[in-house]
Amino acid sequence: MDAGLIASRYAQALLLFASETKEEGRVYEDAAALKKAVLSKDDVAGCIERLSEPMQRFLALVIHNKRVEYLPAIMHNYRVLYRKKKGITRAWLTTATENPTLADKLAQLMKLQGFTEVDFKTEVNPDLIGGFIVQVEDKRLDASIAAQLRDIRKEWEEKNRNNRNNG
């Protein structure tokens, strides 16, 4: 059977089970922690001990059915399904320095534009020099100093190339 199909079916089953137990949000957080622990092979046992009861029961089913190899994909698919069900938009924010309030401010602006809820994943990249890059689904805004400098350089090189060709 196709690995994507297996992961998708298990994720759908987990979403249904989590809905029935009224633990969707907790299972959403558990799914992120479990996926991270499994992929990094870092304290998987400790992570499992901290999981909610519904997630522990689901994990027992996955182990019983010998589907552990699909666990990262199942957890990923569950989180995608959960966000879709709850109307949560995933966004990525990269800043040149730590800026804990920027994601909240951008989320508020996005809510004014009709987004119901925004889940930002943040990252710091000093190579940006200043400013930020925000990506929401397939749209990207690069408001970094590094991008502005690249644009200026490109414009300057093009202008010099045109001057050499005309002179």
N, C-alpha and C. Protein backbone atom coordinates (compact mmCIF):
# COMPACT_ATOMS: atom_id res chain seq x y z
N MET A 1 0.85 -1.18 0.00
CA MET A 1 0.00 0.00 0.00
C MET A 1 0.89 1.24 0.00
N ASP A 2 0.44 2.32 -0.62
CA ASP A 2 1.17 3.57 -0.75
C ASP A 2 1.39 4.21 0.63
N ALA A 3 2.63 4.62 0.90
CA ALA A 3 2.97 5.22 2.20
C ALA A 3 2.16 6.48 2.47
N GLY A 4 1.95 7.30 1.43
CA GLY A 4 1.18 8.52 1.60
C GLY A 4 -0.27 8.23 1.96
N LEU A 5 -0.81 7.19 1.36
CA LEU A 5 -2.18 6.80 1.64
C LEU A 5 -2.31 6.27 3.07
N ILE A 6 -1.35 5.48 3.48
CA ILE A 6 -1.36 4.94 4.85
C ILE A 6 -1.31 6.08 5.86
N ALA A 7 -0.36 7.00 5.67
CA ALA A 7 -0.23 8.12 6.60
C ALA A 7 -1.49 8.97 6.61
N SER A 8 -2.07 9.18 5.46
CA SER A 8 -3.29 9.99 5.36
C SER A 8 -4.45 9.33 6.10
N ARG A 9 -4.63 8.04 5.91
CA ARG A 9 -5.74 7.33 6.56
C ARG A 9 -5.57 7.32 8.08
N TYR A 10 -4.36 7.07 8.54
CA TYR A 10 -4.13 7.08 9.99
C TYR A 10 -4.35 8.48 10.56
N ALA A 11 -3.91 9.49 9.84
CA ALA A 11 -4.09 10.87 10.30
C ALA A 11 -5.57 11.22 10.38
N GLN A 12 -6.34 10.80 9.40
CA GLN A 12 -7.79 11.05 9.43
C GLN A 12 -8.44 10.34 10.60
N ALA A 13 -8.01 9.12 10.85
CA ALA A 13 -8.54 8.37 11.98
C ALA A 13 -8.18 9.05 13.30
N LEU A 14 -6.96 9.55 13.40
CA LEU A 14 -6.53 10.24 14.61
C LEU A 14 -7.34 11.52 14.81
N LEU A 15 -7.60 12.25 13.74
CA LEU A 15 -8.40 13.47 13.85
C LEU A 15 -9.80 13.15 14.35
N LEU A 16 -10.40 12.10 13.82
CA LEU A 16 -11.73 11.68 14.25
C LEU A 16 -11.72 11.28 15.73
N PHE A 17 -10.72 10.49 16.11
CA PHE A 17 -10.60 10.04 17.50
C PHE A 17 -10.37 11.23 18.43
N ALA A 18 -9.49 12.15 18.04
CA ALA A 18 -9.20 13.32 18.87
C ALA A 18 -10.45 14.20 19.00
N SER A 19 -11.25 14.30 17.94
CA SER A 19 -12.49 15.08 17.98
C SER A 19 -13.47 14.45 18.96
N GLU A 20 -13.60 13.15 18.88
CA GLU A 20 -14.53 12.43 19.77
C GLU A 20 -14.14 12.58 21.23
N THR A 21 -12.85 12.62 21.51
CA THR A 21 -12.38 12.73 22.90
C THR A 21 -12.21 14.19 23.32
N LYS A 22 -12.52 15.12 22.42
CA LYS A 22 -12.40 16.57 22.69
C LYS A 22 -10.96 16.97 23.04
N GLU A 23 -10.00 16.28 22.41
CA GLU A 23 -8.58 16.52 22.69
C GLU A 23 -7.82 16.95 21.42
N GLU A 24 -8.53 17.49 20.42
CA GLU A 24 -7.88 17.83 19.15
C GLU A 24 -6.67 18.75 19.33
N GLY A 25 -6.84 19.80 20.13
CA GLY A 25 -5.76 20.75 20.34
C GLY A 25 -4.56 20.13 21.02
N ARG A 26 -4.81 19.35 22.04
CA ARG A 26 -3.71 18.69 22.76
C ARG A 26 -3.01 17.69 21.85
N VAL A 27 -3.78 16.95 21.06
CA VAL A 27 -3.20 15.98 20.14
C VAL A 27 -2.39 16.70 19.07
N TYR A 28 -2.84 17.89 18.66
CA TYR A 28 -2.10 18.71 17.69
C TYR A 28 -0.70 19.03 18.23
N GLU A 29 -0.64 19.43 19.50
CA GLU A 29 0.66 19.72 20.13
C GLU A 29 1.48 18.44 20.30
N ASP A 30 0.82 17.37 20.71
CA ASP A 30 1.50 16.07 20.85
C ASP A 30 2.11 15.62 19.52
N ALA A 31 1.36 15.83 18.44
CA ALA A 31 1.83 15.40 17.11
C ALA A 31 3.14 16.09 16.74
N ALA A 32 3.23 17.38 17.05
CA ALA A 32 4.47 18.12 16.76
C ALA A 32 5.62 17.57 17.59
N ALA A 33 5.38 17.37 18.88
CA ALA A 33 6.44 16.87 19.77
C ALA A 33 6.88 15.47 19.38
N LEU A 34 5.92 14.61 19.07
CA LEU A 34 6.24 13.23 18.72
C LEU A 34 7.01 13.15 17.40
N LYS A 35 6.56 13.90 16.41
CA LYS A 35 7.26 13.91 15.13
C LYS A 35 8.71 14.36 15.31
N LYS A 36 8.89 15.43 16.08
CA LYS A 36 10.24 15.96 16.32
C LYS A 36 11.11 14.93 17.05
N ALA A 37 10.55 14.29 18.07
CA ALA A 37 11.32 13.29 18.83
C ALA A 37 11.70 12.09 17.98
N VAL A 38 10.76 11.61 17.17
CA VAL A 38 11.03 10.44 16.33
C VAL A 38 12.08 10.76 15.27
N LEU A 39 11.94 11.91 14.61
CA LEU A 39 12.90 12.26 13.56
C LEU A 39 14.29 12.52 14.10
N SER A 40 14.38 13.13 15.29
CA SER A 40 15.69 13.43 15.86
C SER A 40 16.22 12.29 16.72
N LYS A 41 15.35 11.29 16.96
CA LYS A 41 15.70 10.16 17.82
C LYS A 41 16.18 10.64 19.20
N ASP A 42 15.57 11.75 19.65
CA ASP A 42 15.97 12.39 20.89
C ASP A 42 14.90 12.18 21.96
N ASP A 43 15.16 11.38 22.96
CA ASP A 43 14.28 11.15 24.10
C ASP A 43 12.86 10.78 23.68
N VAL A 44 12.75 9.81 22.78
CA VAL A 44 11.44 9.36 22.31
C VAL A 44 10.62 8.82 23.49
N ALA A 45 11.27 8.04 24.36
CA ALA A 45 10.56 7.46 25.51
C ALA A 45 10.01 8.56 26.42
N GLY A 46 10.81 9.57 26.68
CA GLY A 46 10.36 10.69 27.52
C GLY A 46 9.22 11.45 26.88
N CYS A 47 9.29 11.61 25.58
CA CYS A 47 8.22 12.28 24.84
C CYS A 47 6.93 11.48 24.94
N ILE A 48 7.01 10.18 24.77
CA ILE A 48 5.82 9.32 24.82
C ILE A 48 5.16 9.40 26.20
N GLU A 49 5.97 9.48 27.25
CA GLU A 49 5.41 9.58 28.61
C GLU A 49 4.60 10.86 28.80
N ARG A 50 4.95 11.93 28.08
CA ARG A 50 4.27 13.22 28.24
C ARG A 50 3.07 13.39 27.31
N LEU A 51 2.81 12.41 26.46
CA LEU A 51 1.70 12.51 25.52
C LEU A 51 0.35 12.38 26.22
N SER A 52 -0.67 12.97 25.62
CA SER A 52 -2.04 12.84 26.14
C SER A 52 -2.48 11.39 26.03
N GLU A 53 -3.50 11.05 26.80
CA GLU A 53 -4.01 9.68 26.79
C GLU A 53 -4.51 9.27 25.41
N PRO A 54 -5.25 10.12 24.70
CA PRO A 54 -5.67 9.73 23.34
C PRO A 54 -4.50 9.46 22.40
N MET A 55 -3.45 10.26 22.51
CA MET A 55 -2.30 10.06 21.63
C MET A 55 -1.56 8.79 22.01
N GLN A 56 -1.47 8.49 23.30
CA GLN A 56 -0.82 7.24 23.72
C GLN A 56 -1.60 6.03 23.22
N ARG A 57 -2.92 6.10 23.26
CA ARG A 57 -3.75 5.00 22.75
C ARG A 57 -3.57 4.85 21.24
N PHE A 58 -3.52 5.98 20.54
CA PHE A 58 -3.33 5.93 19.09
C PHE A 58 -1.95 5.36 18.77
N LEU A 59 -0.95 5.78 19.51
CA LEU A 59 0.41 5.27 19.29
C LEU A 59 0.46 3.76 19.51
N ALA A 60 -0.25 3.27 20.51
CA ALA A 60 -0.30 1.82 20.75
C ALA A 60 -0.89 1.11 19.54
N LEU A 61 -1.92 1.70 18.92
CA LEU A 61 -2.52 1.12 17.72
C LEU A 61 -1.52 1.09 16.56
N VAL A 62 -0.79 2.18 16.39
CA VAL A 62 0.20 2.26 15.31
C VAL A 62 1.28 1.20 15.51
N ILE A 63 1.72 1.03 16.75
CA ILE A 63 2.75 0.02 17.06
C ILE A 63 2.18 -1.38 16.82
N HIS A 64 0.97 -1.61 17.30
CA HIS A 64 0.31 -2.92 17.14
C HIS A 64 0.17 -3.28 15.65
N ASN A 65 -0.15 -2.30 14.82
CA ASN A 65 -0.34 -2.54 13.38
C ASN A 65 0.96 -2.46 12.58
N LYS A 66 2.08 -2.34 13.30
CA LYS A 66 3.41 -2.30 12.67
C LYS A 66 3.52 -1.18 11.62
N ARG A 67 3.09 0.03 12.01
CA ARG A 67 3.12 1.19 11.13
C ARG A 67 4.00 2.31 11.69
N VAL A 68 4.91 1.97 12.58
CA VAL A 68 5.76 2.97 13.24
C VAL A 68 6.58 3.77 12.23
N GLU A 69 7.02 3.12 11.15
CA GLU A 69 7.83 3.82 10.15
C GLU A 69 7.07 4.98 9.51
N TYR A 70 5.75 4.95 9.57
CA TYR A 70 4.92 6.01 8.98
C TYR A 70 4.59 7.12 9.97
N LEU A 71 5.06 6.98 11.21
CA LEU A 71 4.68 7.91 12.27
C LEU A 71 4.97 9.38 11.95
N PRO A 72 6.17 9.75 11.47
CA PRO A 72 6.39 11.17 11.15
C PRO A 72 5.39 11.70 10.11
N ALA A 73 5.11 10.91 9.09
CA ALA A 73 4.16 11.34 8.06
C ALA A 73 2.74 11.41 8.62
N ILE A 74 2.39 10.48 9.48
CA ILE A 74 1.06 10.51 10.10
C ILE A 74 0.91 11.77 10.93
N MET A 75 1.92 12.09 11.73
CA MET A 75 1.87 13.28 12.58
C MET A 75 1.79 14.55 11.73
N HIS A 76 2.58 14.59 10.67
CA HIS A 76 2.54 15.74 9.76
C HIS A 76 1.14 15.90 9.15
N ASN A 77 0.61 14.80 8.64
CA ASN A 77 -0.72 14.85 8.00
C ASN A 77 -1.80 15.24 9.00
N TYR A 78 -1.69 14.75 10.23
CA TYR A 78 -2.67 15.13 11.25
C TYR A 78 -2.67 16.64 11.45
N ARG A 79 -1.47 17.21 11.57
CA ARG A 79 -1.37 18.66 11.82
C ARG A 79 -1.94 19.45 10.64
N VAL A 80 -1.71 18.97 9.42
CA VAL A 80 -2.27 19.63 8.23
C VAL A 80 -3.80 19.56 8.27
N LEU A 81 -4.35 18.39 8.56
CA LEU A 81 -5.80 18.21 8.63
C LEU A 81 -6.42 19.07 9.74
N TYR A 82 -5.75 19.11 10.87
CA TYR A 82 -6.24 19.90 12.00
C TYR A 82 -6.30 21.39 11.63
N ARG A 83 -5.20 21.89 11.04
CA ARG A 83 -5.18 23.31 10.66
C ARG A 83 -6.27 23.62 9.64
N LYS A 84 -6.47 22.71 8.69
CA LYS A 84 -7.52 22.91 7.69
C LYS A 84 -8.89 22.95 8.35
N LYS A 85 -9.15 22.02 9.25
CA LYS A 85 -10.44 21.95 9.94
C LYS A 85 -10.70 23.20 10.77
N LYS A 86 -9.65 23.71 11.41
CA LYS A 86 -9.80 24.86 12.31
C LYS A 86 -9.60 26.20 11.60
N GLY A 87 -9.30 26.17 10.31
CA GLY A 87 -9.09 27.42 9.57
C GLY A 87 -7.81 28.13 9.94
N ILE A 88 -6.80 27.38 10.30
CA ILE A 88 -5.51 27.95 10.71
C ILE A 88 -4.60 28.01 9.49
N THR A 89 -4.04 29.18 9.23
CA THR A 89 -3.11 29.36 8.13
C THR A 89 -1.70 29.26 8.68
N ARG A 90 -0.85 28.51 8.01
CA ARG A 90 0.54 28.36 8.42
C ARG A 90 1.37 29.42 7.72
N ALA A 91 2.23 30.08 8.45
CA ALA A 91 3.09 31.12 7.88
C ALA A 91 4.49 30.98 8.47
N TRP A 92 5.46 31.46 7.71
CA TRP A 92 6.86 31.42 8.13
C TRP A 92 7.39 32.83 8.19
N LEU A 93 8.10 33.13 9.26
CA LEU A 93 8.68 34.45 9.46
C LEU A 93 10.16 34.29 9.76
N THR A 94 10.98 34.94 8.94
CA THR A 94 12.42 34.93 9.17
C THR A 94 12.84 36.36 9.44
N THR A 95 13.54 36.58 10.54
CA THR A 95 14.01 37.91 10.92
C THR A 95 15.52 37.90 11.06
N ALA A 96 16.11 39.09 10.99
CA ALA A 96 17.55 39.21 11.13
C ALA A 96 17.98 39.03 12.58
N THR A 97 17.14 39.45 13.50
CA THR A 97 17.41 39.31 14.93
C THR A 97 16.15 38.80 15.62
N GLU A 98 16.28 38.37 16.86
CA GLU A 98 15.12 37.94 17.64
C GLU A 98 14.11 39.08 17.69
N ASN A 99 12.87 38.79 17.36
CA ASN A 99 11.81 39.79 17.41
C ASN A 99 10.51 39.10 17.80
N PRO A 100 10.31 38.87 19.10
CA PRO A 100 9.18 38.07 19.56
C PRO A 100 7.81 38.69 19.29
N THR A 101 7.71 39.99 19.10
CA THR A 101 6.40 40.62 18.92
C THR A 101 5.99 40.73 17.46
N LEU A 102 6.93 40.61 16.53
CA LEU A 102 6.60 40.80 15.11
C LEU A 102 5.59 39.78 14.60
N ALA A 103 5.72 38.52 14.97
CA ALA A 103 4.78 37.49 14.51
C ALA A 103 3.37 37.82 14.98
N ASP A 104 3.24 38.27 16.23
CA ASP A 104 1.91 38.64 16.74
C ASP A 104 1.32 39.81 15.98
N LYS A 105 2.14 40.81 15.69
CA LYS A 105 1.67 41.98 14.95
C LYS A 105 1.24 41.59 13.53
N LEU A 106 2.04 40.75 12.88
CA LEU A 106 1.68 40.30 11.53
C LEU A 106 0.41 39.44 11.55
N ALA A 107 0.27 38.61 12.58
CA ALA A 107 -0.94 37.78 12.70
C ALA A 107 -2.18 38.67 12.86
N GLN A 108 -2.07 39.72 13.64
CA GLN A 108 -3.19 40.66 13.80
C GLN A 108 -3.54 41.32 12.47
N LEU A 109 -2.52 41.75 11.73
CA LEU A 109 -2.77 42.35 10.41
C LEU A 109 -3.44 41.36 9.47
N MET A 110 -2.99 40.12 9.52
CA MET A 110 -3.56 39.09 8.64
C MET A 110 -5.02 38.79 9.01
N LYS A 111 -5.35 38.87 10.28
CA LYS A 111 -6.73 38.66 10.70
C LYS A 111 -7.63 39.76 10.13
N LEU A 112 -7.10 40.97 10.05
CA LEU A 112 -7.85 42.07 9.44
C LEU A 112 -8.09 41.83 7.95
N GLN A 113 -7.23 41.01 7.34
CA GLN A 113 -7.35 40.67 5.92
C GLN A 113 -8.22 39.44 5.68
N GLY A 114 -8.81 38.89 6.74
CA GLY A 114 -9.73 37.77 6.58
C GLY A 114 -9.21 36.42 7.03
N PHE A 115 -7.96 36.33 7.45
CA PHE A 115 -7.45 35.06 7.97
C PHE A 115 -8.03 34.86 9.37
N THR A 116 -8.49 33.66 9.67
CA THR A 116 -9.09 33.42 10.98
C THR A 116 -8.03 33.27 12.06
N GLU A 117 -7.05 32.44 11.80
CA GLU A 117 -5.96 32.25 12.76
C GLU A 117 -4.69 31.94 11.99
N VAL A 118 -3.57 32.45 12.48
CA VAL A 118 -2.30 32.26 11.80
C VAL A 118 -1.32 31.60 12.77
N ASP A 119 -0.68 30.54 12.31
CA ASP A 119 0.33 29.82 13.08
C ASP A 119 1.68 30.13 12.45
N PHE A 120 2.47 30.98 13.11
CA PHE A 120 3.77 31.38 12.58
C PHE A 120 4.87 30.45 13.07
N LYS A 121 5.71 30.05 12.14
CA LYS A 121 6.96 29.37 12.48
C LYS A 121 8.03 30.43 12.28
N THR A 122 8.82 30.70 13.30
CA THR A 122 9.80 31.78 13.22
C THR A 122 11.22 31.22 13.18
N GLU A 123 12.08 32.01 12.57
CA GLU A 123 13.49 31.64 12.41
C GLU A 123 14.31 32.93 12.39
N VAL A 124 15.52 32.87 12.90
CA VAL A 124 16.43 34.01 12.87
C VAL A 124 17.55 33.70 11.88
N ASN A 125 17.80 34.64 10.97
CA ASN A 125 18.87 34.52 9.98
C ASN A 125 19.61 35.85 9.91
N PRO A 126 20.76 35.96 10.57
CA PRO A 126 21.51 37.21 10.59
C PRO A 126 21.94 37.70 9.20
N ASP A 127 21.97 36.79 8.21
CA ASP A 127 22.35 37.18 6.85
C ASP A 127 21.37 38.18 6.23
N LEU A 128 20.19 38.30 6.81
CA LEU A 128 19.21 39.27 6.29
C LEU A 128 19.63 40.71 6.59
N ILE A 129 20.55 40.88 7.51
CA ILE A 129 21.09 42.17 7.95
C ILE A 129 20.04 42.94 8.76
N GLY A 130 18.86 43.07 8.27
CA GLY A 130 17.75 43.75 8.94
C GLY A 130 16.46 43.41 8.22
N GLY A 131 15.34 43.79 8.79
CA GLY A 131 14.05 43.52 8.15
C GLY A 131 13.60 42.09 8.38
N PHE A 132 12.76 41.59 7.46
CA PHE A 132 12.20 40.26 7.63
C PHE A 132 11.73 39.69 6.29
N ILE A 133 11.47 38.38 6.30
CA ILE A 133 10.83 37.69 5.19
C ILE A 133 9.62 36.97 5.77
N VAL A 134 8.47 37.15 5.16
CA VAL A 134 7.28 36.44 5.61
C VAL A 134 6.71 35.68 4.43
N GLN A 135 6.33 34.43 4.67
CA GLN A 135 5.73 33.61 3.64
C GLN A 135 4.44 33.01 4.18
N VAL A 136 3.37 33.22 3.42
CA VAL A 136 2.06 32.68 3.76
C VAL A 136 1.60 31.87 2.56
N GLU A 137 1.51 30.55 2.77
CA GLU A 137 1.17 29.64 1.69
C GLU A 137 2.13 29.87 0.52
N ASP A 138 1.64 30.29 -0.65
CA ASP A 138 2.53 30.45 -1.81
C ASP A 138 2.94 31.90 -2.04
N LYS A 139 2.63 32.80 -1.10
CA LYS A 139 2.99 34.21 -1.25
C LYS A 139 4.15 34.54 -0.33
N ARG A 140 5.09 35.33 -0.85
CA ARG A 140 6.30 35.65 -0.09
C ARG A 140 6.58 37.14 -0.18
N LEU A 141 6.87 37.76 0.96
CA LEU A 141 7.27 39.16 1.02
C LEU A 141 8.65 39.22 1.63
N ASP A 142 9.61 39.70 0.85
CA ASP A 142 10.98 39.82 1.33
C ASP A 142 11.26 41.30 1.59
N ALA A 143 11.18 41.69 2.86
CA ALA A 143 11.42 43.07 3.27
C ALA A 143 12.73 43.15 4.04
N SER A 144 13.72 42.37 3.60
CA SER A 144 15.01 42.35 4.28
C SER A 144 15.96 43.36 3.66
N ILE A 145 16.90 43.81 4.44
CA ILE A 145 17.93 44.73 3.95
C ILE A 145 18.78 44.02 2.90
N ALA A 146 19.07 42.73 3.12
CA ALA A 146 19.87 41.97 2.16
C ALA A 146 19.21 41.96 0.79
N ALA A 147 17.89 41.79 0.74
CA ALA A 147 17.18 41.78 -0.55
C ALA A 147 17.21 43.15 -1.19
N GLN A 148 17.07 44.19 -0.39
CA GLN A 148 17.12 45.55 -0.93
C GLN A 148 18.50 45.85 -1.51
N LEU A 149 19.54 45.39 -0.81
CA LEU A 149 20.91 45.59 -1.32
C LEU A 149 21.13 44.81 -2.62
N ARG A 150 20.60 43.59 -2.70
CA ARG A 150 20.71 42.81 -3.94
C ARG A 150 20.01 43.53 -5.09
N ASP A 151 18.83 44.08 -4.82
CA ASP A 151 18.10 44.80 -5.86
C ASP A 151 18.86 46.03 -6.33
N ILE A 152 19.46 46.76 -5.39
CA ILE A 152 20.24 47.95 -5.75
C ILE A 152 21.44 47.55 -6.59
N ARG A 153 22.12 46.50 -6.18
CA ARG A 153 23.29 46.03 -6.93
C ARG A 153 22.91 45.59 -8.35
N LYS A 154 21.82 44.84 -8.45
CA LYS A 154 21.35 44.37 -9.75
C LYS A 154 21.00 45.55 -10.65
N GLU A 155 20.32 46.53 -10.10
CA GLU A 155 19.95 47.73 -10.86
C GLU A 155 21.20 48.49 -11.30
N TRP A 156 22.17 48.61 -10.42
CA TRP A 156 23.41 49.32 -10.71
C TRP A 156 24.19 48.60 -11.82
N GLU A 157 24.28 47.25 -11.70
CA GLU A 157 24.99 46.47 -12.72
C GLU A 157 24.30 46.58 -14.08
N GLU A 158 22.99 46.55 -14.08
CA GLU A 158 22.24 46.67 -15.33
C GLU A 158 22.45 48.06 -15.96
N LYS A 159 22.44 49.06 -15.14
CA LYS A 159 22.65 50.44 -15.63
C LYS A 159 24.05 50.58 -16.21
N ASN A 160 25.05 50.04 -15.54
CA ASN A 160 26.43 50.09 -16.05
C ASN A 160 26.57 49.29 -17.34
N ARG A 161 25.91 48.16 -17.43
CA ARG A 161 25.95 47.35 -18.64
C ARG A 161 25.33 48.14 -19.81
N ASN A 162 24.23 48.79 -19.58
CA ASN A 162 23.57 49.60 -20.62
C ASN A 162 24.45 50.78 -21.03
N ASN A 163 25.14 51.40 -20.08
CA ASN A 163 26.02 52.53 -20.38
C ASN A 163 27.21 52.08 -21.25
N ARG A 164 27.74 50.88 -20.94
CA ARG A 164 28.87 50.37 -21.73
C ARG A 164 28.43 50.03 -23.15
N ASN A 165 27.23 49.47 -23.28
CA ASN A 165 26.73 49.09 -24.60
C ASN A 165 26.36 50.30 -25.45
N ASN A 166 25.98 51.40 -24.80
CA ASN A 166 25.59 52.61 -25.54
C ASN A 166 26.75 53.56 -25.75
N GLY A 167 27.84 53.33 -25.10
CA GLY A 167 28.94 54.30 -25.18
C GLY A 167 30.08 53.83 -25.92
